[in-house]
Amino acid sequence: MTDKVKGPASYFPSIEAKYGQPVAHWLGLIEGQDGRTHMQLVSWLKADHGMGHGHANALVAHALATRKGTA
């Protein structure tokens, strides 16, 4: 039986399909933005990279949880 992916990672296939880059690309960009809050990062992805709110939020949530060791 295959477990269904939940949480922010459930958005990853559609993010890759829509924006043409692997999730690792986006997570790398986020990692280069130290010192910004969650919402600042979401706003940055939306403004500078044309990302929708849900996709940006999922990437940022995953990246920050990974930094904290909770992902």
N, C-alpha and C. Protein backbone atom coordinates (compact mmCIF):
# COMPACT_ATOMS: atom_id res chain seq x y z
N MET A 1 0.84 -1.18 0.00
CA MET A 1 0.00 0.00 0.00
C MET A 1 0.89 1.25 0.00
N THR A 2 0.51 2.23 -0.76
CA THR A 2 1.27 3.47 -0.85
C THR A 2 0.64 4.53 0.04
N ASP A 3 1.46 5.14 0.90
CA ASP A 3 0.97 6.21 1.75
C ASP A 3 0.87 7.49 0.93
N LYS A 4 -0.23 8.21 1.11
CA LYS A 4 -0.41 9.47 0.41
C LYS A 4 0.44 10.54 1.07
N VAL A 5 1.12 11.33 0.26
CA VAL A 5 1.96 12.42 0.77
C VAL A 5 1.03 13.49 1.34
N LYS A 6 1.39 13.98 2.51
CA LYS A 6 0.58 15.00 3.18
C LYS A 6 1.42 16.23 3.47
N GLY A 7 0.77 17.29 3.84
CA GLY A 7 1.46 18.52 4.22
C GLY A 7 2.04 19.24 3.02
N PRO A 8 3.02 20.09 3.26
CA PRO A 8 3.59 20.91 2.19
C PRO A 8 4.11 20.09 1.01
N ALA A 9 4.65 18.91 1.28
CA ALA A 9 5.21 18.09 0.20
C ALA A 9 4.15 17.64 -0.80
N SER A 10 2.90 17.66 -0.42
CA SER A 10 1.84 17.27 -1.35
C SER A 10 1.74 18.24 -2.53
N TYR A 11 2.27 19.44 -2.37
CA TYR A 11 2.26 20.44 -3.43
C TYR A 11 3.44 20.29 -4.40
N PHE A 12 4.46 19.55 -4.02
CA PHE A 12 5.70 19.52 -4.79
C PHE A 12 5.53 19.11 -6.25
N PRO A 13 4.78 18.06 -6.56
CA PRO A 13 4.64 17.70 -7.98
C PRO A 13 4.02 18.82 -8.82
N SER A 14 3.02 19.50 -8.29
CA SER A 14 2.40 20.58 -9.06
C SER A 14 3.31 21.80 -9.15
N ILE A 15 4.12 22.04 -8.14
CA ILE A 15 5.08 23.15 -8.18
C ILE A 15 6.10 22.90 -9.29
N GLU A 16 6.62 21.68 -9.35
CA GLU A 16 7.61 21.35 -10.39
C GLU A 16 6.99 21.45 -11.78
N ALA A 17 5.76 20.99 -11.92
CA ALA A 17 5.09 21.03 -13.23
C ALA A 17 4.79 22.47 -13.66
N LYS A 18 4.32 23.27 -12.74
CA LYS A 18 3.90 24.62 -13.09
C LYS A 18 5.07 25.58 -13.33
N TYR A 19 6.11 25.47 -12.52
CA TYR A 19 7.20 26.46 -12.58
C TYR A 19 8.46 25.94 -13.27
N GLY A 20 8.46 24.66 -13.68
CA GLY A 20 9.54 24.13 -14.50
C GLY A 20 10.87 23.93 -13.82
N GLN A 21 10.89 23.94 -12.51
CA GLN A 21 12.13 23.71 -11.77
C GLN A 21 11.87 22.66 -10.70
N PRO A 22 12.88 21.88 -10.35
CA PRO A 22 12.70 20.91 -9.27
C PRO A 22 12.55 21.62 -7.92
N VAL A 23 11.94 20.96 -7.00
CA VAL A 23 11.74 21.53 -5.66
C VAL A 23 13.08 21.93 -5.04
N ALA A 24 14.12 21.14 -5.30
CA ALA A 24 15.45 21.46 -4.75
C ALA A 24 15.91 22.85 -5.19
N HIS A 25 15.57 23.25 -6.40
CA HIS A 25 15.91 24.60 -6.88
C HIS A 25 15.28 25.65 -5.98
N TRP A 26 13.98 25.51 -5.73
CA TRP A 26 13.26 26.50 -4.92
C TRP A 26 13.74 26.49 -3.48
N LEU A 27 14.00 25.31 -2.94
CA LEU A 27 14.48 25.24 -1.56
C LEU A 27 15.86 25.88 -1.44
N GLY A 28 16.69 25.72 -2.46
CA GLY A 28 18.00 26.37 -2.47
C GLY A 28 17.90 27.88 -2.49
N LEU A 29 16.95 28.39 -3.27
CA LEU A 29 16.74 29.84 -3.29
C LEU A 29 16.30 30.35 -1.92
N ILE A 30 15.41 29.61 -1.30
CA ILE A 30 14.92 30.00 0.03
C ILE A 30 16.06 29.99 1.04
N GLU A 31 16.91 28.98 0.97
CA GLU A 31 18.04 28.89 1.90
C GLU A 31 18.96 30.10 1.80
N GLY A 32 19.02 30.71 0.65
CA GLY A 32 19.86 31.89 0.46
C GLY A 32 19.25 33.17 1.00
N GLN A 33 18.10 33.06 1.62
CA GLN A 33 17.38 34.23 2.12
C GLN A 33 17.30 34.24 3.64
N ASP A 34 18.40 33.98 4.30
CA ASP A 34 18.43 33.97 5.76
C ASP A 34 17.95 35.29 6.34
N GLY A 35 17.30 35.22 7.48
CA GLY A 35 16.88 36.41 8.20
C GLY A 35 15.49 36.89 7.85
N ARG A 36 14.85 36.28 6.87
CA ARG A 36 13.49 36.69 6.50
C ARG A 36 12.48 35.81 7.22
N THR A 37 11.35 36.41 7.52
CA THR A 37 10.27 35.66 8.17
C THR A 37 9.55 34.80 7.14
N HIS A 38 8.70 33.92 7.64
CA HIS A 38 7.90 33.06 6.78
C HIS A 38 7.15 33.89 5.74
N MET A 39 6.43 34.88 6.17
CA MET A 39 5.61 35.66 5.24
C MET A 39 6.46 36.53 4.32
N GLN A 40 7.60 36.97 4.77
CA GLN A 40 8.51 37.71 3.89
C GLN A 40 9.00 36.81 2.76
N LEU A 41 9.30 35.56 3.09
CA LEU A 41 9.74 34.61 2.07
C LEU A 41 8.61 34.29 1.09
N VAL A 42 7.41 34.10 1.60
CA VAL A 42 6.25 33.84 0.74
C VAL A 42 6.05 35.01 -0.21
N SER A 43 6.07 36.22 0.33
CA SER A 43 5.89 37.42 -0.50
C SER A 43 6.98 37.55 -1.55
N TRP A 44 8.20 37.22 -1.20
CA TRP A 44 9.32 37.27 -2.12
C TRP A 44 9.14 36.29 -3.28
N LEU A 45 8.74 35.05 -2.97
CA LEU A 45 8.51 34.07 -4.03
C LEU A 45 7.38 34.51 -4.95
N LYS A 46 6.36 35.10 -4.38
CA LYS A 46 5.23 35.57 -5.19
C LYS A 46 5.64 36.74 -6.08
N ALA A 47 6.32 37.72 -5.51
CA ALA A 47 6.67 38.94 -6.24
C ALA A 47 7.80 38.72 -7.24
N ASP A 48 8.85 38.04 -6.83
CA ASP A 48 10.03 37.91 -7.68
C ASP A 48 10.01 36.70 -8.61
N HIS A 49 9.19 35.71 -8.28
CA HIS A 49 9.20 34.47 -9.06
C HIS A 49 7.82 34.10 -9.61
N GLY A 50 6.82 34.94 -9.38
CA GLY A 50 5.49 34.72 -9.94
C GLY A 50 4.77 33.51 -9.39
N MET A 51 5.11 33.11 -8.20
CA MET A 51 4.53 31.92 -7.62
C MET A 51 3.20 32.25 -6.95
N GLY A 52 2.28 31.31 -6.98
CA GLY A 52 1.03 31.47 -6.27
C GLY A 52 1.23 31.34 -4.77
N HIS A 53 0.28 31.85 -4.01
CA HIS A 53 0.42 31.86 -2.55
C HIS A 53 0.56 30.46 -1.97
N GLY A 54 -0.30 29.55 -2.38
CA GLY A 54 -0.26 28.19 -1.82
C GLY A 54 1.05 27.48 -2.09
N HIS A 55 1.55 27.61 -3.31
CA HIS A 55 2.82 26.97 -3.64
C HIS A 55 3.97 27.61 -2.87
N ALA A 56 4.00 28.92 -2.81
CA ALA A 56 5.05 29.61 -2.07
C ALA A 56 5.01 29.24 -0.59
N ASN A 57 3.82 29.22 -0.03
CA ASN A 57 3.65 28.88 1.38
C ASN A 57 4.12 27.46 1.67
N ALA A 58 3.80 26.52 0.78
CA ALA A 58 4.21 25.13 0.98
C ALA A 58 5.73 25.01 0.97
N LEU A 59 6.39 25.66 0.03
CA LEU A 59 7.85 25.60 -0.03
C LEU A 59 8.50 26.21 1.20
N VAL A 60 8.00 27.36 1.61
CA VAL A 60 8.57 28.04 2.78
C VAL A 60 8.33 27.22 4.04
N ALA A 61 7.14 26.70 4.20
CA ALA A 61 6.84 25.88 5.39
C ALA A 61 7.77 24.68 5.46
N HIS A 62 7.97 24.03 4.33
CA HIS A 62 8.87 22.87 4.30
C HIS A 62 10.31 23.28 4.60
N ALA A 63 10.77 24.34 3.98
CA ALA A 63 12.15 24.80 4.18
C ALA A 63 12.40 25.17 5.64
N LEU A 64 11.48 25.89 6.24
CA LEU A 64 11.67 26.31 7.63
C LEU A 64 11.56 25.13 8.58
N ALA A 65 10.68 24.18 8.31
CA ALA A 65 10.58 23.00 9.15
C ALA A 65 11.85 22.16 9.05
N THR A 66 12.43 22.10 7.87
CA THR A 66 13.68 21.37 7.68
C THR A 66 14.81 22.02 8.46
N ARG A 67 14.85 23.35 8.45
CA ARG A 67 15.87 24.07 9.24
C ARG A 67 15.75 23.74 10.71
N LYS A 68 14.51 23.63 11.19
CA LYS A 68 14.26 23.37 12.60
C LYS A 68 14.37 21.88 12.95
N GLY A 69 14.48 21.05 11.91
CA GLY A 69 14.57 19.61 12.13
C GLY A 69 13.24 18.94 12.40
N THR A 70 12.15 19.60 11.99
CA THR A 70 10.83 19.03 12.23
C THR A 70 10.17 18.53 10.95
N ALA A 71 10.89 18.52 9.84
CA ALA A 71 10.29 18.03 8.58
C ALA A 71 10.70 16.61 8.32
